[in-house]
Amino acid sequence: MKKFSKDYLKNITKLQKQGIPKGIYSICSANQLVLQACMRSVREDGDPLLIEATCNQVNQYGGYMGMTPLQFREYVHHLADGVGLPDEYIILGGDHLGPNVWQNEPSASAMAKASQLVTDYVTYGFTKIHLDASMSCSDDPANQPLNKKISAERAALLCEAAEKAKGVINQLVYYVIGTEVPTPGGEVEKQDKLNMTKVGDAKETISEIRHAFIRHHLEDAWERVIAVVVQPGVEFGDSSIFLYDRNNAKELSKFIEPYEHFIYEAHSTDYQPRQNLKELVEDHFAVLKVGPALTFAMREALFALSFVEEELIHVPEERSNLREKLETEMLANPEHWKKHYHGSAFEQQLARKYSLSDRSRYYWSKPILQEAISTLFKNLENQPAPLSLIDQFLPNQSQKIKIGELPNSPRFLVEDKIREVVNDYLYACG
């Protein structure tokens, strides 16, 4: 495996400023099968793997994953050990770190908790930190965006906490600033047009945060701000995708070029065709965040294998019944999808299975579904499917089995389906 500099993230910016379209994709998923597939890809590709956790997913109180930053780091490194990937090939990042989780509290208590959040992330080895204090707290003016000076001041306070933690552990920490507008969450179904970040807004964000950093004597940290989050015109909902249009983004792309150490970070790049992803990187949107597209591909593969299983295993009680168990679990615990899926009962049922927003990703770690996956894999290991049946449901993987590139193993079939998405990002990132 090739070696890389510990300043890998900074070097991407340097290459971009030299006109070399280098990028990095960021995995926004904690799913075990997804992470293992991406880790195996790194063993072949050699570039480091950037894995990020969000503030509501992983925090000092456990988040919805039930993991603290330390526990998440240990979980990721445990998976890496299992596939033989050295720890130095993993970069951990924190996404939208700020008061978002506590925005129903007054700003003082919300920011105190956010500062502890950032401190914990840095203390336990997360070296890419997205500072996002753009959301209002309960004592901020209601029904209007948070004032950018206030948001910048809070971002600087979070950076102060991160720098103190950095000083204790003596490691490089790089920062990302800004936030995408509009906030993602599937609302694009109601829109005909997606609002791209205006150059004036991006300029104001950079200027306000820079001045706040200077006021707090964070000039050294400012030199380690490597990216600005903007909305380049990409998003997705249940059944719609806004594709990147480089002509529309031309002014925004040109704007960042004079800034010596800044590139853009693009969120919600899931489901973009590989050529669109490549154009994003070429246009300086060099950090590409992806999450639901990976678990969507995993779900596709698991569903496909469950259909294969039904053809091979004649006794229903011996099958995994994976699709039925997923539906049962989502109906019993609707908190992760109820606010996002609308329409008739049939439309909601269809969305639970096939929505591009893939709210089913919150359920695969449940014991009943882990058991179903285990049964599915065991059944298809004990009774390998004939190629003709695999070809019916996973034709790309069938071709790889025929030429000896892929074993006829259910786990590797699922991983290969996930890696189809990864390969698009590798192509785009150079």
Protein backbone atom coordinates (compact mmCIF):
# COMPACT_ATOMS: atom_id res chain seq x y z
CA MET A 1 0.00 0.00 0.00
CA LYS A 2 1.27 3.46 -0.86
CA LYS A 3 2.15 6.00 1.79
CA PHE A 4 0.62 9.45 2.03
CA SER A 5 1.38 12.67 3.85
CA LYS A 6 -0.30 13.46 7.16
CA ASP A 7 -1.13 16.79 5.50
CA TYR A 8 -3.21 14.91 2.92
CA LEU A 9 -6.23 17.20 3.26
CA LYS A 10 -4.07 20.32 2.96
CA ASN A 11 -2.32 18.83 -0.05
CA ILE A 12 -5.63 18.44 -1.87
CA THR A 13 -6.06 22.20 -1.58
CA LYS A 14 -2.52 22.76 -2.86
CA LEU A 15 -3.11 20.50 -5.86
CA GLN A 16 -6.38 22.29 -6.63
CA LYS A 17 -4.58 25.64 -6.60
CA GLN A 18 -2.04 24.19 -9.07
CA GLY A 19 -4.87 23.32 -11.44
CA ILE A 20 -4.82 19.60 -10.63
CA PRO A 21 -8.39 18.34 -10.06
CA LYS A 22 -7.77 16.21 -6.98
CA GLY A 23 -10.55 15.53 -4.49
CA ILE A 24 -11.60 13.28 -1.65
CA TYR A 25 -14.92 11.63 -0.91
CA SER A 26 -16.27 11.58 2.63
CA ILE A 27 -18.24 8.62 3.97
CA CYS A 28 -21.18 9.83 6.06
CA SER A 29 -22.28 6.42 7.29
CA ALA A 30 -21.61 4.17 10.25
CA ASN A 31 -23.08 1.07 8.63
CA GLN A 32 -20.77 -1.89 9.11
CA LEU A 33 -21.15 -3.37 5.63
CA VAL A 34 -20.68 0.06 4.02
CA LEU A 35 -17.55 0.85 6.01
CA GLN A 36 -16.03 -2.59 5.39
CA ALA A 37 -16.65 -2.27 1.64
CA CYS A 38 -15.02 1.17 1.61
CA MET A 39 -12.09 -0.07 3.67
CA ARG A 40 -11.45 -2.96 1.28
CA SER A 41 -11.51 -0.43 -1.55
CA VAL A 42 -8.81 1.60 0.21
CA ARG A 43 -6.59 -1.47 0.39
CA GLU A 44 -6.59 -1.50 -3.42
CA ASP A 45 -6.72 2.25 -4.12
CA GLY A 46 -4.24 3.32 -1.45
CA ASP A 47 -5.62 6.79 -0.72
CA PRO A 48 -6.88 7.39 2.84
CA LEU A 49 -10.53 6.93 3.74
CA LEU A 50 -12.36 9.93 5.19
CA ILE A 51 -15.17 8.87 7.55
CA GLU A 52 -17.34 11.48 9.23
CA ALA A 53 -19.85 11.44 12.07
CA THR A 54 -22.49 14.13 12.60
CA CYS A 55 -23.29 15.96 15.82
CA ASN A 56 -26.67 14.25 16.27
CA GLN A 57 -25.28 10.84 15.35
CA VAL A 58 -22.27 10.81 17.72
CA ASN A 59 -21.86 13.13 20.70
CA GLN A 60 -20.92 13.17 24.39
CA TYR A 61 -24.41 11.87 25.27
CA GLY A 62 -24.29 9.05 22.73
CA GLY A 63 -26.35 10.54 19.90
CA TYR A 64 -28.83 8.40 18.01
CA MET A 65 -26.12 5.78 17.46
CA GLY A 66 -25.49 5.46 21.17
CA MET A 67 -21.80 6.23 20.63
CA THR A 68 -19.49 8.88 22.03
CA PRO A 69 -16.63 10.15 19.81
CA LEU A 70 -14.24 7.75 21.55
CA GLN A 71 -16.57 4.79 20.99
CA PHE A 72 -17.06 5.72 17.34
CA ARG A 73 -13.29 5.90 16.80
CA GLU A 74 -12.84 2.48 18.43
CA TYR A 75 -15.68 1.05 16.34
CA VAL A 76 -14.14 2.30 13.09
CA HIS A 77 -10.65 1.07 13.97
CA HIS A 78 -12.05 -2.32 14.99
CA LEU A 79 -13.65 -2.68 11.57
CA ALA A 80 -10.40 -1.58 9.92
CA ASP A 81 -8.47 -4.22 11.86
CA GLY A 82 -10.94 -6.82 10.61
CA VAL A 83 -10.16 -6.09 6.96
CA GLY A 84 -6.43 -5.54 7.51
CA LEU A 85 -6.42 -1.78 6.97
CA PRO A 86 -3.84 0.14 9.07
CA ASP A 87 -5.28 2.93 11.23
CA GLU A 88 -3.15 5.55 9.48
CA TYR A 89 -5.26 5.09 6.34
CA ILE A 90 -8.32 6.47 8.12
CA ILE A 91 -9.11 10.16 8.57
CA LEU A 92 -11.94 10.86 11.01
CA GLY A 93 -14.08 13.95 10.67
CA GLY A 94 -16.90 15.65 12.56
CA ASP A 95 -19.75 17.11 10.52
CA HIS A 96 -21.95 20.09 11.50
CA LEU A 97 -20.34 20.31 14.92
CA GLY A 98 -22.12 23.03 16.84
CA PRO A 99 -25.30 23.68 18.82
CA ASN A 100 -27.66 21.96 16.37
CA VAL A 101 -28.58 19.14 18.77
CA TRP A 102 -29.36 21.65 21.54
CA GLN A 103 -30.92 24.51 19.56
CA ASN A 104 -34.09 24.31 21.67
CA GLU A 105 -31.99 25.50 24.63
CA PRO A 106 -30.71 29.04 25.33
CA SER A 107 -27.53 29.85 23.42
CA ALA A 108 -25.30 29.81 26.53
CA SER A 109 -26.11 26.22 27.47
CA ALA A 110 -26.28 25.07 23.84
CA MET A 111 -22.85 26.51 23.11
CA ALA A 112 -21.37 25.04 26.30
CA LYS A 113 -22.49 21.59 25.16
CA ALA A 114 -21.31 22.27 21.61
CA SER A 115 -17.88 23.29 22.89
CA GLN A 116 -17.62 20.04 24.85
CA LEU A 117 -18.71 18.17 21.71
CA VAL A 118 -15.91 19.72 19.65
CA THR A 119 -13.41 19.13 22.46
CA ASP A 120 -14.31 15.44 22.61
CA TYR A 121 -14.07 14.99 18.83
CA VAL A 122 -10.59 16.51 18.70
CA THR A 123 -9.40 14.78 21.87
CA TYR A 124 -10.23 11.38 20.42
CA GLY A 125 -8.51 11.78 17.09
CA PHE A 126 -10.95 13.49 14.72
CA THR A 127 -8.75 15.74 12.57
CA LYS A 128 -11.28 17.28 10.15
CA ILE A 129 -13.74 19.47 12.01
CA HIS A 130 -16.71 21.20 10.38
CA LEU A 131 -17.62 24.16 12.59
CA ASP A 132 -21.30 24.99 12.07
CA ALA A 133 -23.02 27.44 14.41
CA SER A 134 -25.47 28.69 11.79
CA MET A 135 -28.63 27.54 13.59
CA SER A 136 -30.65 29.66 16.02
CA CYS A 137 -31.05 28.75 19.68
CA SER A 138 -34.17 29.31 21.79
CA ASP A 139 -33.18 32.85 22.86
CA ASP A 140 -32.23 34.02 19.35
CA PRO A 141 -34.73 36.01 17.25
CA ALA A 142 -37.37 33.62 15.92
CA ASN A 143 -38.50 33.09 12.33
CA GLN A 144 -35.38 34.53 10.72
CA PRO A 145 -31.88 33.29 9.85
CA LEU A 146 -29.26 33.71 12.55
CA ASN A 147 -27.21 36.87 12.12
CA LYS A 148 -23.93 35.97 10.39
CA LYS A 149 -21.82 37.96 12.87
CA ILE A 150 -23.31 35.94 15.73
CA SER A 151 -22.85 32.69 13.82
CA ALA A 152 -19.20 33.60 13.09
CA GLU A 153 -18.56 34.51 16.73
CA ARG A 154 -19.91 31.16 17.87
CA ALA A 155 -17.83 29.32 15.27
CA ALA A 156 -14.73 31.06 16.67
CA LEU A 157 -15.67 29.99 20.20
CA LEU A 158 -15.98 26.40 18.99
CA CYS A 159 -12.61 26.69 17.29
CA GLU A 160 -11.09 27.93 20.55
CA ALA A 161 -12.31 24.75 22.25
CA ALA A 162 -10.91 22.62 19.45
CA GLU A 163 -7.53 24.37 19.57
CA LYS A 164 -7.25 23.82 23.32
CA ALA A 165 -7.88 20.11 22.81
CA LYS A 166 -5.43 20.07 19.90
CA GLY A 167 -2.74 21.55 22.14
CA VAL A 168 -3.17 18.71 24.64
CA ILE A 169 -2.84 15.89 22.12
CA ASN A 170 -0.44 17.69 19.75
CA GLN A 171 -1.97 16.78 16.40
CA LEU A 172 -2.91 18.70 13.26
CA VAL A 173 -6.57 19.66 13.04
CA TYR A 174 -8.12 21.08 9.87
CA TYR A 175 -11.33 23.06 9.79
CA VAL A 176 -14.29 23.45 7.47
CA ILE A 177 -16.60 26.46 7.79
CA GLY A 178 -19.99 27.45 6.40
CA THR A 179 -23.19 25.52 5.85
CA GLU A 180 -25.27 24.52 2.86
CA VAL A 181 -28.44 26.38 2.00
CA PRO A 182 -31.09 25.05 1.99
CA THR A 183 -30.48 22.49 4.72
CA PRO A 184 -30.84 18.95 3.30
CA GLY A 185 -33.63 16.68 4.41
CA GLY A 186 -35.75 15.64 1.48
CA GLU A 187 -37.68 18.89 1.01
CA VAL A 188 -36.59 19.15 -2.61
CA GLU A 189 -39.68 17.18 -3.63
CA LYS A 190 -41.61 20.42 -3.19
CA GLN A 191 -39.22 22.51 -5.28
CA ASP A 192 -38.77 23.01 -9.00
CA LYS A 193 -35.46 24.82 -8.54
CA LEU A 194 -32.69 24.52 -5.99
CA ASN A 195 -31.18 27.73 -4.65
CA MET A 196 -27.42 27.76 -5.12
CA THR A 197 -25.18 29.67 -2.71
CA LYS A 198 -24.70 33.23 -3.94
CA VAL A 199 -21.13 34.47 -4.27
CA GLY A 200 -21.95 37.42 -2.01
CA ASP A 201 -23.12 35.07 0.74
CA ALA A 202 -20.01 32.90 0.45
CA LYS A 203 -17.80 36.00 0.58
CA GLU A 204 -19.62 37.32 3.66
CA THR A 205 -19.34 33.97 5.44
CA ILE A 206 -15.59 33.79 4.87
CA SER A 207 -15.07 37.42 5.87
CA GLU A 208 -17.15 37.27 9.06
CA ILE A 209 -15.57 34.04 10.29
CA ARG A 210 -12.07 35.28 9.47
CA HIS A 211 -12.62 38.46 11.49
CA ALA A 212 -14.06 36.43 14.37
CA PHE A 213 -11.01 34.15 14.33
CA ILE A 214 -8.70 37.18 14.42
CA ARG A 215 -10.61 38.68 17.36
CA HIS A 216 -10.03 35.43 19.23
CA HIS A 217 -6.33 35.24 18.23
CA LEU A 218 -6.94 32.16 16.09
CA GLU A 219 -4.76 33.21 13.15
CA ASP A 220 -2.87 29.90 13.17
CA ALA A 221 -6.16 27.97 13.12
CA TRP A 222 -7.37 30.15 10.24
CA GLU A 223 -4.43 28.90 8.17
CA ARG A 224 -5.82 25.39 8.72
CA VAL A 225 -9.29 26.20 7.42
CA ILE A 226 -9.27 24.17 4.21
CA ALA A 227 -12.83 24.28 2.92
CA VAL A 228 -16.10 26.20 2.84
CA VAL A 229 -19.43 24.39 2.71
CA VAL A 230 -21.70 25.80 0.01
CA GLN A 231 -24.71 24.64 -1.98
CA PRO A 232 -23.50 24.06 -5.58
CA GLY A 233 -26.95 23.03 -6.79
CA VAL A 234 -26.96 19.34 -5.84
CA GLU A 235 -29.57 17.65 -3.66
CA PHE A 236 -31.97 14.71 -3.62
CA GLY A 237 -35.33 13.78 -2.14
CA ASP A 238 -37.50 10.67 -2.07
CA SER A 239 -37.64 10.28 -5.83
CA SER A 240 -35.94 13.35 -7.32
CA ILE A 241 -32.33 14.36 -7.89
CA PHE A 242 -30.94 17.82 -8.65
CA LEU A 243 -27.97 17.18 -10.92
CA TYR A 244 -24.90 19.39 -10.89
CA ASP A 245 -24.89 21.97 -13.69
CA ARG A 246 -21.42 23.47 -14.00
CA ASN A 247 -22.69 26.34 -16.16
CA ASN A 248 -24.95 27.50 -13.35
CA ALA A 249 -22.11 27.12 -10.83
CA LYS A 250 -19.48 28.89 -12.92
CA GLU A 251 -19.47 32.14 -10.90
CA LEU A 252 -19.32 30.29 -7.57
CA SER A 253 -16.53 28.05 -8.87
CA LYS A 254 -14.42 31.01 -10.04
CA PHE A 255 -14.93 32.89 -6.77
CA ILE A 256 -12.89 30.48 -4.64
CA GLU A 257 -9.84 30.38 -6.96
CA PRO A 258 -8.01 33.45 -5.52
CA TYR A 259 -8.29 32.12 -1.96
CA GLU A 260 -4.94 30.47 -1.38
CA HIS A 261 -5.94 27.69 0.99
CA PHE A 262 -9.70 27.22 0.39
CA ILE A 263 -11.66 24.70 -1.60
CA TYR A 264 -15.34 23.88 -1.39
CA GLU A 265 -17.06 21.04 0.43
CA ALA A 266 -20.25 19.77 -1.21
CA HIS A 267 -22.86 17.94 0.81
CA SER A 268 -25.63 15.64 -0.50
CA THR A 269 -23.73 14.60 -3.63
CA ASP A 270 -25.43 11.19 -3.49
CA TYR A 271 -26.81 9.77 -6.76
CA GLN A 272 -24.91 12.21 -8.98
CA PRO A 273 -23.63 10.49 -12.15
CA ARG A 274 -19.88 9.95 -12.13
CA GLN A 275 -19.27 12.61 -14.78
CA ASN A 276 -21.15 15.17 -12.68
CA LEU A 277 -19.05 14.19 -9.67
CA LYS A 278 -15.91 14.63 -11.74
CA GLU A 279 -17.06 18.08 -12.83
CA LEU A 280 -17.70 19.04 -9.21
CA VAL A 281 -14.11 18.19 -8.32
CA GLU A 282 -12.78 19.99 -11.39
CA ASP A 283 -14.78 23.06 -10.32
CA HIS A 284 -13.16 23.08 -6.82
CA PHE A 285 -15.98 21.30 -4.96
CA ALA A 286 -13.27 18.89 -3.96
CA VAL A 287 -14.71 17.33 -0.80
CA LEU A 288 -17.71 15.20 -1.80
CA LYS A 289 -19.99 14.01 1.00
CA VAL A 290 -21.88 10.76 0.40
CA GLY A 291 -24.02 8.62 2.70
CA PRO A 292 -27.51 7.49 1.71
CA ALA A 293 -26.37 6.40 -1.77
CA LEU A 294 -24.08 3.84 -0.12
CA THR A 295 -26.73 2.37 2.17
CA PHE A 296 -29.20 2.50 -0.73
CA ALA A 297 -26.83 0.31 -2.76
CA MET A 298 -26.44 -2.01 0.21
CA ARG A 299 -30.23 -2.24 0.56
CA GLU A 300 -30.54 -3.00 -3.15
CA ALA A 301 -28.08 -5.88 -2.80
CA LEU A 302 -29.71 -7.25 0.36
CA PHE A 303 -33.15 -7.13 -1.26
CA ALA A 304 -31.77 -8.83 -4.38
CA LEU A 305 -30.24 -11.62 -2.30
CA SER A 306 -33.51 -12.03 -0.39
CA PHE A 307 -35.27 -12.70 -3.72
CA VAL A 308 -32.54 -15.21 -4.57
CA GLU A 309 -33.05 -16.82 -1.16
CA GLU A 310 -36.78 -17.21 -1.78
CA GLU A 311 -36.06 -19.15 -4.96
CA LEU A 312 -33.59 -21.45 -3.22
CA ILE A 313 -35.10 -21.96 0.25
CA HIS A 314 -38.56 -23.49 -0.07
CA VAL A 315 -39.46 -23.51 3.63
CA PRO A 316 -40.52 -19.96 4.63
CA GLU A 317 -39.52 -20.48 8.27
CA GLU A 318 -35.94 -21.19 7.20
CA ARG A 319 -35.60 -17.96 5.22
CA SER A 320 -34.32 -14.66 6.56
CA ASN A 321 -37.57 -12.89 5.59
CA LEU A 322 -35.42 -9.78 5.53
CA ARG A 323 -37.75 -7.49 3.59
CA GLU A 324 -40.72 -8.31 5.80
CA LYS A 325 -38.70 -7.80 8.99
CA LEU A 326 -37.46 -4.41 7.79
CA GLU A 327 -41.04 -3.30 7.16
CA THR A 328 -42.15 -4.59 10.57
CA GLU A 329 -39.33 -2.76 12.34
CA MET A 330 -39.95 0.51 10.51
CA LEU A 331 -43.68 0.39 11.30
CA ALA A 332 -43.03 -0.42 14.95
CA ASN A 333 -40.52 2.44 15.30
CA PRO A 334 -41.54 5.17 12.83
CA GLU A 335 -39.57 8.06 14.35
CA HIS A 336 -36.87 7.98 11.67
CA TRP A 337 -39.22 8.17 8.66
CA LYS A 338 -42.66 9.45 9.71
CA LYS A 339 -41.82 13.15 9.22
CA HIS A 340 -40.15 12.50 5.87
CA TYR A 341 -42.48 10.16 3.98
CA HIS A 342 -45.88 11.52 2.96
CA GLY A 343 -48.82 10.56 0.79
CA SER A 344 -51.10 7.53 0.90
CA ALA A 345 -50.39 4.38 2.89
CA PHE A 346 -49.18 2.72 -0.31
CA GLU A 347 -46.88 5.65 -1.16
CA GLN A 348 -45.38 5.56 2.32
CA GLN A 349 -44.87 1.80 2.09
CA LEU A 350 -43.07 2.26 -1.23
CA ALA A 351 -40.91 5.02 0.23
CA ARG A 352 -39.92 2.87 3.23
CA LYS A 353 -38.41 0.41 0.78
CA TYR A 354 -37.19 2.47 -2.14
CA SER A 355 -36.89 6.16 -1.24
CA LEU A 356 -33.63 7.80 -2.30
CA SER A 357 -33.48 9.48 1.10
CA ASP A 358 -33.16 5.90 2.41
CA ARG A 359 -34.54 6.30 5.91
CA SER A 360 -34.24 2.52 6.22
CA ARG A 361 -30.54 3.15 6.92
CA TYR A 362 -31.44 3.93 10.54
CA TYR A 363 -32.77 0.40 11.10
CA TRP A 364 -30.13 -2.04 9.84
CA SER A 365 -28.28 -2.08 13.18
CA LYS A 366 -31.39 -3.31 15.02
CA PRO A 367 -30.96 -6.87 16.38
CA ILE A 368 -33.87 -8.28 14.39
CA LEU A 369 -32.32 -7.07 11.13
CA GLN A 370 -28.78 -8.05 12.05
CA GLU A 371 -30.14 -11.54 12.66
CA ALA A 372 -31.97 -11.47 9.32
CA ILE A 373 -28.79 -10.48 7.46
CA SER A 374 -26.87 -13.23 9.26
CA THR A 375 -29.51 -15.82 8.28
CA LEU A 376 -29.55 -14.58 4.69
CA PHE A 377 -25.76 -14.85 4.40
CA LYS A 378 -25.70 -18.26 6.07
CA ASN A 379 -28.40 -19.64 3.77
CA LEU A 380 -26.59 -18.47 0.64
CA GLU A 381 -23.22 -19.69 1.89
CA ASN A 382 -24.65 -23.13 2.62
CA GLN A 383 -26.52 -23.23 -0.68
CA PRO A 384 -24.68 -21.00 -3.19
CA ALA A 385 -26.95 -19.57 -5.84
CA PRO A 386 -26.41 -20.63 -9.46
CA LEU A 387 -25.01 -17.93 -11.71
CA SER A 388 -28.24 -17.79 -13.69
CA LEU A 389 -30.11 -16.74 -10.54
CA ILE A 390 -27.49 -14.20 -9.50
CA ASP A 391 -27.58 -12.85 -13.05
CA GLN A 392 -31.32 -12.26 -12.69
CA PHE A 393 -30.96 -10.01 -9.63
CA LEU A 394 -27.31 -8.82 -9.56
CA PRO A 395 -26.15 -8.92 -13.19
CA ASN A 396 -23.00 -6.82 -12.72
CA GLN A 397 -21.81 -9.04 -9.90
CA SER A 398 -22.65 -12.15 -11.91
CA GLN A 399 -20.30 -11.02 -14.67
CA LYS A 400 -17.48 -10.56 -12.14
CA ILE A 401 -18.04 -14.05 -10.74
CA LYS A 402 -17.82 -15.49 -14.28
CA ILE A 403 -14.39 -13.99 -14.91
CA GLY A 404 -13.04 -14.77 -11.44
CA GLU A 405 -13.01 -11.21 -10.06
CA LEU A 406 -15.55 -11.89 -7.32
CA PRO A 407 -16.33 -14.95 -5.17
CA ASN A 408 -19.88 -16.29 -5.08
CA SER A 409 -20.29 -15.16 -1.48
CA PRO A 410 -23.28 -13.09 -0.28
CA ARG A 411 -21.16 -10.71 1.79
CA PHE A 412 -18.84 -9.95 -1.12
CA LEU A 413 -21.79 -9.54 -3.48
CA VAL A 414 -23.21 -6.87 -1.17
CA GLU A 415 -19.84 -5.17 -0.77
CA ASP A 416 -19.29 -5.12 -4.52
CA LYS A 417 -22.66 -3.44 -5.04
CA ILE A 418 -21.62 -0.76 -2.53
CA ARG A 419 -18.28 -0.38 -4.27
CA GLU A 420 -20.03 0.47 -7.52
CA VAL A 421 -20.94 3.77 -5.82
CA VAL A 422 -17.45 4.13 -4.33
CA ASN A 423 -15.87 3.65 -7.76
CA ASP A 424 -17.80 6.62 -9.13
CA TYR A 425 -16.28 8.78 -6.39
CA LEU A 426 -12.80 7.38 -6.95
CA TYR A 427 -13.15 8.24 -10.63
CA ALA A 428 -14.25 11.77 -9.77
CA CYS A 429 -11.56 12.39 -7.15
CA GLY A 430 -8.65 11.49 -9.40
